[in-house]
């Protein structure tokens, strides 16, 4: 049996009852985390524009446009919600392999709302999406992302969204295969867009394409049944033909025993550069260094970080969030790296641009697969140095958020848009999501 069919068979067979307790809890945390980001993301420039567009398009009121009190057809709701969920750069990630939640959760949620699905169906569907996303990303990355320039959020995320949407609709067998096939032929997004509004659009398009794939497959529309392993399939085409048989095996390795959602990282900082930001803060905290005393910062980063993140440009908030220069400067100056640090007003501050001149970064092969090394010189001539490993960053599996920290992040973001009573009810509902009989009990509060 081919790889695409094997993966589809696994997805078809996933049931809530078979999931380990920690996997269920992680999935619920991922839903809570993403919802908070998307709720505030509804006020972003990108979120507002896409919401306005889909409202103008009209159509059946099938699914909630998060944070707006409006509804739209599932396809359009997935587009809008996925876009707003990535606009703040605060959504979850598989390091160097993309942001899965903002593709997967809106795809599952809009169909779950339309179908009046229960909480267990939503949990199972979202989990299926994460597993699909990470397995395909493992097979094509890093070359797919760092060398060729595809944005794995938009590409691998399309498969994750299709898997999640397909589970909500109960697709099995060849219909699941066809859904994956349709997803693979729609997968898109390139890293050149990191400087523009198109970066969060990649997530919205992935969510929308995932829903479209599942809905078409459910109606009998076919997709390539060898979309992953075929000679002209996704994995070959999107690695420039450099995919190996061993890489393809990553897609089906330990199916049903290894759950990759356990590798998921959650974000404490509103920037793509969470490792470097944490490295700087950690060094300052350990040595009692104040931001006003920082004279110079030098960062040694892995080569894979350099192409998408090793720049000083900050002409847009999106570009500022992805670039090391601005991200580190504003983090040190403000002692905070949150939503307020990446507004169009903040990026115009001449003082930030002046501080950026004190920051240098270079590639260091010794940091590949390790983390970030930071060196800092203070105004009194003292020098400090430290390394922040990838797996030590707050929000990573080895340094996870507590339940209270997930709740605090959600409340901080959601309370800026929703009434306090809605925020409180959502937290309570999501803690016991598996007991919910109709997901619309939750979506009406969004």
Protein backbone atom coordinates (compact mmCIF):
# COMPACT_ATOMS: atom_id res chain seq x y z
CA UNK A 1 0.00 0.00 0.00
CA UNK A 2 1.28 3.45 -0.91
CA UNK A 3 2.17 6.16 1.60
CA UNK A 4 -0.84 8.36 0.88
CA UNK A 5 -3.24 5.45 1.33
CA UNK A 6 -1.50 4.31 4.52
CA UNK A 7 -1.73 7.77 6.03
CA UNK A 8 -5.38 8.04 4.99
CA UNK A 9 -6.11 4.67 6.57
CA UNK A 10 -4.58 5.81 9.83
CA UNK A 11 -6.58 9.04 9.79
CA UNK A 12 -9.78 7.19 9.00
CA UNK A 13 -9.30 4.99 12.04
CA UNK A 14 -8.40 7.60 14.67
CA UNK A 15 -11.02 7.70 17.43
CA UNK A 16 -11.31 9.79 20.57
CA UNK A 17 -11.38 6.69 22.76
CA UNK A 18 -7.94 5.61 21.52
CA UNK A 19 -6.20 8.91 22.31
CA UNK A 20 -3.87 9.12 25.34
CA UNK A 21 -5.00 11.52 28.06
CA UNK A 22 -2.02 13.86 27.61
CA UNK A 23 -2.68 14.08 23.86
CA UNK A 24 -6.30 15.05 24.52
CA UNK A 25 -5.23 17.74 26.99
CA UNK A 26 -2.60 19.10 24.59
CA UNK A 27 -5.16 19.30 21.81
CA UNK A 28 -7.59 21.19 24.05
CA UNK A 29 -4.79 23.58 25.06
CA UNK A 30 -3.96 24.15 21.39
CA UNK A 31 -7.59 25.04 20.64
CA UNK A 32 -7.75 27.46 23.58
CA UNK A 33 -4.42 29.05 22.63
CA UNK A 34 -5.35 29.52 18.99
CA UNK A 35 -8.80 30.90 19.75
CA UNK A 36 -7.31 33.64 21.92
CA UNK A 37 -4.90 34.63 19.17
CA UNK A 38 -7.61 34.58 16.50
CA UNK A 39 -10.05 36.62 18.59
CA UNK A 40 -7.61 39.52 18.86
CA UNK A 41 -6.37 38.80 15.34
CA UNK A 42 -9.84 39.76 14.13
CA UNK A 43 -8.87 43.39 14.84
CA UNK A 44 -5.66 43.18 12.78
CA UNK A 45 -5.38 44.87 9.41
CA UNK A 46 -5.31 41.53 7.61
CA UNK A 47 -8.19 40.15 9.64
CA UNK A 48 -10.41 43.17 9.03
CA UNK A 49 -9.79 43.22 5.28
CA UNK A 50 -10.55 39.51 4.80
CA UNK A 51 -13.62 39.66 7.05
CA UNK A 52 -14.96 42.65 5.09
CA UNK A 53 -14.36 40.76 1.84
CA UNK A 54 -16.18 37.59 2.87
CA UNK A 55 -19.09 39.59 4.28
CA UNK A 56 -19.44 41.38 0.94
CA UNK A 57 -19.51 37.99 -0.78
CA UNK A 58 -22.54 36.94 1.29
CA UNK A 59 -23.84 33.39 1.20
CA UNK A 60 -25.12 30.90 3.75
CA UNK A 61 -24.51 31.74 7.41
CA UNK A 62 -22.76 28.47 8.25
CA UNK A 63 -19.84 29.40 10.47
CA UNK A 64 -18.79 32.19 12.81
CA UNK A 65 -16.32 34.86 11.76
CA UNK A 66 -14.43 34.94 15.04
CA UNK A 67 -14.58 38.17 17.00
CA UNK A 68 -17.17 39.83 14.76
CA UNK A 69 -20.61 38.45 15.61
CA UNK A 70 -21.05 37.63 11.91
CA UNK A 71 -21.33 34.37 9.98
CA UNK A 72 -20.31 33.22 6.51
CA UNK A 73 -20.14 30.06 4.38
CA UNK A 74 -17.64 27.52 5.75
CA UNK A 75 -15.12 28.08 2.98
CA UNK A 76 -15.03 31.81 3.57
CA UNK A 77 -15.06 31.51 7.36
CA UNK A 78 -12.03 29.22 7.19
CA UNK A 79 -10.21 31.76 5.02
CA UNK A 80 -10.96 34.66 7.36
CA UNK A 81 -10.38 32.84 10.64
CA UNK A 82 -7.17 31.22 9.45
CA UNK A 83 -5.80 34.58 8.31
CA UNK A 84 -6.64 36.39 11.55
CA UNK A 85 -5.19 33.48 13.54
CA UNK A 86 -1.73 34.05 12.08
CA UNK A 87 -1.78 37.84 11.88
CA UNK A 88 -0.34 38.43 15.38
CA UNK A 89 2.49 35.86 15.09
CA UNK A 90 1.39 34.42 18.44
CA UNK A 91 0.03 31.10 17.21
CA UNK A 92 1.59 27.71 17.88
CA UNK A 93 4.35 26.15 15.80
CA UNK A 94 6.43 23.12 15.02
CA UNK A 95 9.89 24.82 14.98
CA UNK A 96 11.19 25.29 11.42
CA UNK A 97 8.19 23.36 10.14
CA UNK A 98 5.42 25.92 10.24
CA UNK A 99 2.41 27.05 12.23
CA UNK A 100 -0.11 24.20 12.16
CA UNK A 101 -2.93 25.35 14.45
CA UNK A 102 -4.00 28.35 12.42
CA UNK A 103 -4.57 26.13 9.37
CA UNK A 104 -6.07 23.13 11.16
CA UNK A 105 -8.35 24.55 13.86
CA UNK A 106 -10.35 27.00 11.72
CA UNK A 107 -10.90 24.27 9.11
CA UNK A 108 -12.22 21.85 11.72
CA UNK A 109 -14.15 24.48 13.67
CA UNK A 110 -16.18 25.92 10.80
CA UNK A 111 -17.35 22.48 9.67
CA UNK A 112 -17.97 21.35 13.26
CA UNK A 113 -20.20 24.37 13.72
CA UNK A 114 -22.07 23.70 10.47
CA UNK A 115 -22.51 20.03 11.33
CA UNK A 116 -23.36 20.66 15.01
CA UNK A 117 -20.53 18.28 15.97
CA UNK A 118 -19.70 17.46 19.56
CA UNK A 119 -16.53 18.33 21.45
CA UNK A 120 -14.98 14.89 21.06
CA UNK A 121 -15.29 15.13 17.28
CA UNK A 122 -13.56 18.52 17.29
CA UNK A 123 -10.71 17.25 19.49
CA UNK A 124 -10.18 14.14 17.37
CA UNK A 125 -10.30 16.09 14.11
CA UNK A 126 -7.84 18.74 15.27
CA UNK A 127 -5.45 16.05 16.54
CA UNK A 128 -5.61 14.28 13.15
CA UNK A 129 -4.66 17.56 11.50
CA UNK A 130 -1.62 18.11 13.69
CA UNK A 131 -0.35 14.57 13.10
CA UNK A 132 -0.75 14.91 9.34
CA UNK A 133 0.90 18.31 9.22
CA UNK A 134 3.98 17.34 11.23
CA UNK A 135 4.56 14.03 9.43
CA UNK A 136 4.52 15.65 6.01
CA UNK A 137 6.68 18.54 7.22
CA UNK A 138 9.22 16.05 8.58
CA UNK A 139 9.51 14.46 5.16
CA UNK A 140 10.12 17.64 3.13
CA UNK A 141 11.87 19.94 5.60
CA UNK A 142 14.36 21.51 5.96
CA UNK A 143 15.07 21.75 2.21
CA UNK A 144 11.45 22.66 1.44
CA UNK A 145 11.58 25.66 3.78
CA UNK A 146 15.16 26.82 4.09
CA UNK A 147 16.59 26.05 0.64
CA UNK A 148 13.72 26.23 -1.82
CA UNK A 149 11.68 28.88 -0.02
CA UNK A 150 8.24 27.38 0.55
CA UNK A 151 6.35 28.54 3.63
CA UNK A 152 5.51 25.23 5.30
CA UNK A 153 2.59 26.84 7.14
CA UNK A 154 0.80 27.30 3.85
CA UNK A 155 1.97 24.07 2.22
CA UNK A 156 2.05 21.35 4.89
CA UNK A 157 -0.74 23.18 6.70
CA UNK A 158 -3.08 22.50 3.78
CA UNK A 159 -2.75 18.76 4.37
CA UNK A 160 -3.36 19.22 8.10
CA UNK A 161 -6.46 21.30 7.42
CA UNK A 162 -7.80 18.71 4.97
CA UNK A 163 -7.26 15.87 7.43
CA UNK A 164 -9.06 17.79 10.19
CA UNK A 165 -11.95 18.81 7.96
CA UNK A 166 -12.26 15.26 6.64
CA UNK A 167 -12.51 13.85 10.17
CA UNK A 168 -15.32 16.27 11.02
CA UNK A 169 -17.21 15.02 7.96
CA UNK A 170 -16.47 11.40 8.84
CA UNK A 171 -14.57 10.62 5.62
CA UNK A 172 -12.97 7.20 5.42
CA UNK A 173 -11.10 5.04 2.94
CA UNK A 174 -10.71 6.45 -0.54
CA UNK A 175 -12.62 9.63 0.29
CA UNK A 176 -9.92 10.45 2.85
CA UNK A 177 -7.30 9.60 0.22
CA UNK A 178 -8.93 11.93 -2.28
CA UNK A 179 -9.15 14.72 0.28
CA UNK A 180 -5.39 14.50 0.83
CA UNK A 181 -4.87 14.40 -2.93
CA UNK A 182 -6.91 17.54 -3.42
CA UNK A 183 -5.05 19.27 -0.59
CA UNK A 184 -1.65 18.52 -2.09
CA UNK A 185 -2.48 20.08 -5.41
CA UNK A 186 -3.62 23.31 -3.69
CA UNK A 187 -0.71 23.69 -1.26
CA UNK A 188 0.98 27.08 -1.63
CA UNK A 189 2.97 29.86 0.04
CA UNK A 190 6.51 31.20 -0.37
CA UNK A 191 8.81 32.85 2.13
CA UNK A 192 9.24 35.96 0.00
CA UNK A 193 5.83 36.94 1.37
CA UNK A 194 7.18 37.26 4.92
CA UNK A 195 7.54 41.00 4.35
CA UNK A 196 3.86 41.46 3.47
CA UNK A 197 0.26 40.80 4.48
CA UNK A 198 0.40 37.59 2.46
CA UNK A 199 2.16 35.66 5.24
CA UNK A 200 -1.01 35.26 7.36
CA UNK A 201 -3.00 34.79 4.17
CA UNK A 202 -1.04 31.57 3.62
CA UNK A 203 -2.68 30.16 6.76
CA UNK A 204 -6.14 31.32 5.72
CA UNK A 205 -5.76 29.82 2.27
CA UNK A 206 -4.52 26.55 3.77
CA UNK A 207 -7.57 26.37 6.04
CA UNK A 208 -9.90 27.17 3.17
CA UNK A 209 -8.21 24.66 0.83
CA UNK A 210 -8.47 22.00 3.51
CA UNK A 211 -12.21 22.53 3.84
CA UNK A 212 -12.63 22.59 0.06
CA UNK A 213 -10.67 19.33 -0.23
CA UNK A 214 -12.84 17.55 2.33
CA UNK A 215 -16.14 18.84 0.97
CA UNK A 216 -15.26 17.94 -2.62
CA UNK A 217 -14.00 14.50 -1.62
CA UNK A 218 -17.18 13.85 0.34
CA UNK A 219 -19.15 14.56 -2.83
CA UNK A 220 -17.09 12.09 -4.88
CA UNK A 221 -14.50 14.48 -6.37
CA UNK A 222 -11.20 12.65 -6.81
CA UNK A 223 -7.65 13.65 -5.99
CA UNK A 224 -4.36 11.91 -6.74
CA UNK A 225 -4.08 8.77 -4.62
CA UNK A 226 -0.28 9.04 -4.68
CA UNK A 227 -0.11 12.78 -3.99
CA UNK A 228 2.67 12.34 -1.41
CA UNK A 229 4.93 9.68 -2.90
CA UNK A 230 4.20 10.00 -6.62
CA UNK A 231 7.00 10.87 -9.03
CA UNK A 232 5.25 14.17 -9.70
CA UNK A 233 3.67 14.39 -6.28
CA UNK A 234 3.96 16.96 -3.51
CA UNK A 235 7.07 15.62 -1.79
CA UNK A 236 9.10 15.39 -5.01
CA UNK A 237 7.87 18.65 -6.51
CA UNK A 238 8.24 20.69 -3.33
CA UNK A 239 11.80 19.56 -2.59
CA UNK A 240 13.06 20.09 -6.11
CA UNK A 241 13.27 16.32 -6.57
CA UNK A 242 15.58 15.88 -3.58
CA UNK A 243 13.20 13.74 -1.53
CA UNK A 244 14.63 10.36 -0.47
CA UNK A 245 12.83 7.11 0.25
CA UNK A 246 13.88 7.46 3.88
CA UNK A 247 12.34 10.92 4.04
CA UNK A 248 9.05 9.65 2.67
CA UNK A 249 8.96 7.02 5.41
CA UNK A 250 8.69 9.83 7.98
CA UNK A 251 5.07 10.24 6.93
CA UNK A 252 4.01 6.81 8.15
CA UNK A 253 6.65 6.06 10.79
CA UNK A 254 5.14 4.76 14.05
CA UNK A 255 1.58 5.62 13.08
CA UNK A 256 -0.68 5.31 16.08
CA UNK A 257 2.16 5.09 18.60
CA UNK A 258 3.99 8.40 18.14
CA UNK A 259 1.88 11.54 18.56
CA UNK A 260 3.70 14.55 17.17
CA UNK A 261 1.42 17.05 18.86
CA UNK A 262 3.71 16.43 21.84
CA UNK A 263 6.37 18.40 19.92
CA UNK A 264 4.15 21.47 19.61
CA UNK A 265 5.48 24.81 20.86
CA UNK A 266 3.34 27.68 22.12
CA UNK A 267 4.40 31.30 21.94
CA UNK A 268 5.11 33.75 24.71
CA UNK A 269 6.33 36.44 22.30
CA UNK A 270 4.59 38.04 19.30
CA UNK A 271 7.53 37.44 16.97
CA UNK A 272 8.88 34.70 14.75
CA UNK A 273 12.14 34.97 16.71
CA UNK A 274 11.08 33.41 19.99
CA UNK A 275 14.38 31.59 20.52
CA UNK A 276 16.52 34.66 20.02
CA UNK A 277 14.15 36.80 22.10
CA UNK A 278 14.24 34.29 24.95
CA UNK A 279 18.04 34.10 24.70
CA UNK A 280 18.35 37.87 25.15
CA UNK A 281 15.86 38.04 28.00
CA UNK A 282 17.46 35.07 29.75
CA UNK A 283 20.92 36.67 29.64
CA UNK A 284 19.57 40.00 30.89
CA UNK A 285 17.61 38.35 33.68
CA UNK A 286 20.49 36.18 34.91
CA UNK A 287 22.91 39.10 34.98
CA UNK A 288 20.50 41.82 36.14
CA UNK A 289 21.02 43.85 32.96
CA UNK A 290 18.67 46.73 32.23
CA UNK A 291 17.69 47.51 28.64
CA UNK A 292 19.04 51.06 28.92
CA UNK A 293 22.48 49.65 29.78
CA UNK A 294 22.82 47.47 26.68
CA UNK A 295 25.57 48.77 24.41
CA UNK A 296 25.81 45.97 21.84
CA UNK A 297 24.22 42.57 21.10
CA UNK A 298 25.63 39.86 18.86
CA UNK A 299 23.61 36.77 17.96
CA UNK A 300 25.00 33.55 16.51
CA UNK A 301 22.12 31.77 14.78
CA UNK A 302 21.61 28.53 12.82
CA UNK A 303 21.93 28.81 9.07
CA UNK A 304 18.31 27.72 8.65
CA UNK A 305 17.15 30.84 10.50
CA UNK A 306 19.16 33.27 8.45
CA UNK A 307 17.28 33.38 5.14
CA UNK A 308 13.78 34.03 6.55
CA UNK A 309 14.73 35.89 9.75
CA UNK A 310 18.22 37.34 9.43
CA UNK A 311 17.29 40.85 8.35
CA UNK A 312 16.93 44.37 9.73
CA UNK A 313 14.03 45.47 7.52
CA UNK A 314 10.83 46.55 9.22
CA UNK A 315 8.74 48.43 6.69
CA UNK A 316 5.59 46.56 7.78
CA UNK A 317 4.53 44.97 11.09
CA UNK A 318 4.66 41.54 9.43
CA UNK A 319 8.21 42.13 8.26
CA UNK A 320 9.18 43.44 11.70
CA UNK A 321 7.86 40.28 13.38
CA UNK A 322 9.93 38.00 11.17
CA UNK A 323 13.19 39.96 11.34
CA UNK A 324 15.81 39.61 14.05
CA UNK A 325 16.89 43.25 13.95
CA UNK A 326 13.59 44.85 14.92
CA UNK A 327 12.38 41.99 17.12
CA UNK A 328 15.42 42.09 19.37
CA UNK A 329 15.66 45.88 19.47
CA UNK A 330 12.10 46.45 20.60
CA UNK A 331 12.27 43.54 23.06
CA UNK A 332 15.27 45.06 24.83
CA UNK A 333 13.97 48.62 24.74
CA UNK A 334 10.49 47.78 26.02
CA UNK A 335 11.27 44.78 28.18
CA UNK A 336 8.32 43.14 26.45
CA UNK A 337 7.62 41.46 23.12
CA UNK A 338 3.86 41.46 22.81
CA UNK A 339 1.18 42.79 20.49
CA UNK A 340 1.92 46.45 21.24
CA UNK A 341 5.52 46.12 20.09
CA UNK A 342 4.54 45.32 16.50
CA UNK A 343 2.08 48.02 15.50
CA UNK A 344 2.52 50.25 12.46
CA UNK A 345 3.06 53.19 14.83
CA UNK A 346 5.77 51.44 16.87
CA UNK A 347 7.83 50.35 13.87
CA UNK A 348 8.21 54.01 12.83
CA UNK A 349 9.93 55.03 16.08
CA UNK A 350 13.39 56.45 15.17
CA UNK A 351 14.74 55.33 18.55
CA UNK A 352 14.14 51.70 17.61
CA UNK A 353 15.98 52.15 14.34
CA UNK A 354 18.90 53.71 16.22
CA UNK A 355 19.02 50.80 18.65
CA UNK A 356 19.01 48.30 15.78
CA UNK A 357 22.43 49.58 14.78
CA UNK A 358 23.78 48.02 17.99
CA UNK A 359 22.63 44.54 16.96
CA UNK A 360 24.64 42.11 14.85
CA UNK A 361 23.94 38.53 13.85
CA UNK A 362 25.75 35.88 11.88
CA UNK A 363 25.34 32.23 11.03
CA UNK A 364 27.14 29.69 13.18
CA UNK A 365 27.07 26.05 12.11
CA UNK A 366 27.68 25.04 15.72
CA UNK A 367 24.20 26.36 16.51
CA UNK A 368 22.49 24.20 13.88
CA UNK A 369 19.98 22.05 15.72
CA UNK A 370 21.06 23.60 19.03
CA UNK A 371 19.70 27.10 19.47
CA UNK A 372 20.95 30.67 19.61
CA UNK A 373 24.09 32.10 21.20
CA UNK A 374 23.93 35.68 22.42
CA UNK A 375 26.78 37.98 23.40
CA UNK A 376 26.05 41.28 25.12
CA UNK A 377 28.19 44.28 26.03
CA UNK A 378 26.92 46.83 28.53
CA UNK A 379 27.69 50.53 28.79
CA UNK A 380 30.11 49.91 31.67
CA UNK A 381 32.27 47.72 29.44
CA UNK A 382 31.21 44.35 30.83
CA UNK A 383 30.56 41.45 28.47
CA UNK A 384 28.17 38.52 28.90
CA UNK A 385 27.40 35.42 26.87
CA UNK A 386 24.83 32.65 26.93
CA UNK A 387 23.11 29.99 24.81
CA UNK A 388 19.39 29.36 24.63
CA UNK A 389 18.61 25.89 23.34
CA UNK A 390 15.56 25.40 21.14
CA UNK A 391 14.10 22.94 23.60
CA UNK A 392 14.50 25.31 26.58
CA UNK A 393 12.32 28.13 25.25
CA UNK A 394 9.18 28.82 27.28
CA UNK A 395 6.24 27.10 25.65
CA UNK A 396 8.34 24.22 24.28
CA UNK A 397 7.66 20.63 25.37
CA UNK A 398 10.51 20.67 27.90
CA UNK A 399 9.48 24.04 29.32
CA UNK A 400 5.70 23.98 28.80
CA UNK A 401 3.02 26.48 29.64
CA UNK A 402 1.05 25.67 32.76
CA UNK A 403 -2.73 25.56 32.58
CA UNK A 404 -2.80 28.99 34.25
CA UNK A 405 -0.38 30.40 31.67
CA UNK A 406 -2.57 29.18 28.81
CA UNK A 407 -5.57 30.75 30.50
CA UNK A 408 -3.78 34.05 31.18
CA UNK A 409 -2.68 34.34 27.55
CA UNK A 410 -6.19 33.59 26.31
CA UNK A 411 -7.81 36.06 28.70
CA UNK A 412 -5.31 38.82 27.85
CA UNK A 413 -6.01 38.52 24.13
CA UNK A 414 -9.71 37.64 24.09
CA UNK A 415 -10.78 40.23 26.66
CA UNK A 416 -9.68 43.02 24.31
CA UNK A 417 -12.49 42.03 21.94
CA UNK A 418 -15.14 39.96 23.72
CA UNK A 419 -17.26 40.76 26.79
CA UNK A 420 -15.75 39.48 30.04
CA UNK A 421 -18.62 37.04 30.58
CA UNK A 422 -17.96 35.42 27.20
CA UNK A 423 -14.27 35.06 27.96
CA UNK A 424 -14.98 33.40 31.30
CA UNK A 425 -17.52 31.01 29.77
CA UNK A 426 -15.17 30.07 26.95
CA UNK A 427 -12.40 29.15 29.38
CA UNK A 428 -14.79 26.93 31.35
CA UNK A 429 -16.21 25.29 28.22
CA UNK A 430 -12.81 24.55 26.71
CA UNK A 431 -11.58 22.95 29.92
CA UNK A 432 -14.38 20.40 29.52
CA UNK A 433 -14.59 20.40 25.72
CA UNK A 434 -14.98 16.64 25.47
CA UNK A 435 -18.33 16.87 27.32
CA UNK A 436 -19.84 19.40 24.89
CA UNK A 437 -22.73 17.93 22.89
CA UNK A 438 -22.93 20.70 20.29
CA UNK A 439 -19.93 22.85 19.42
CA UNK A 440 -22.28 25.75 18.71
CA UNK A 441 -22.55 26.24 22.47
CA UNK A 442 -18.99 27.55 22.19
CA UNK A 443 -19.00 29.27 18.79
CA UNK A 444 -21.96 31.50 19.68
CA UNK A 445 -19.69 33.09 22.32
CA UNK A 446 -17.05 33.95 19.70
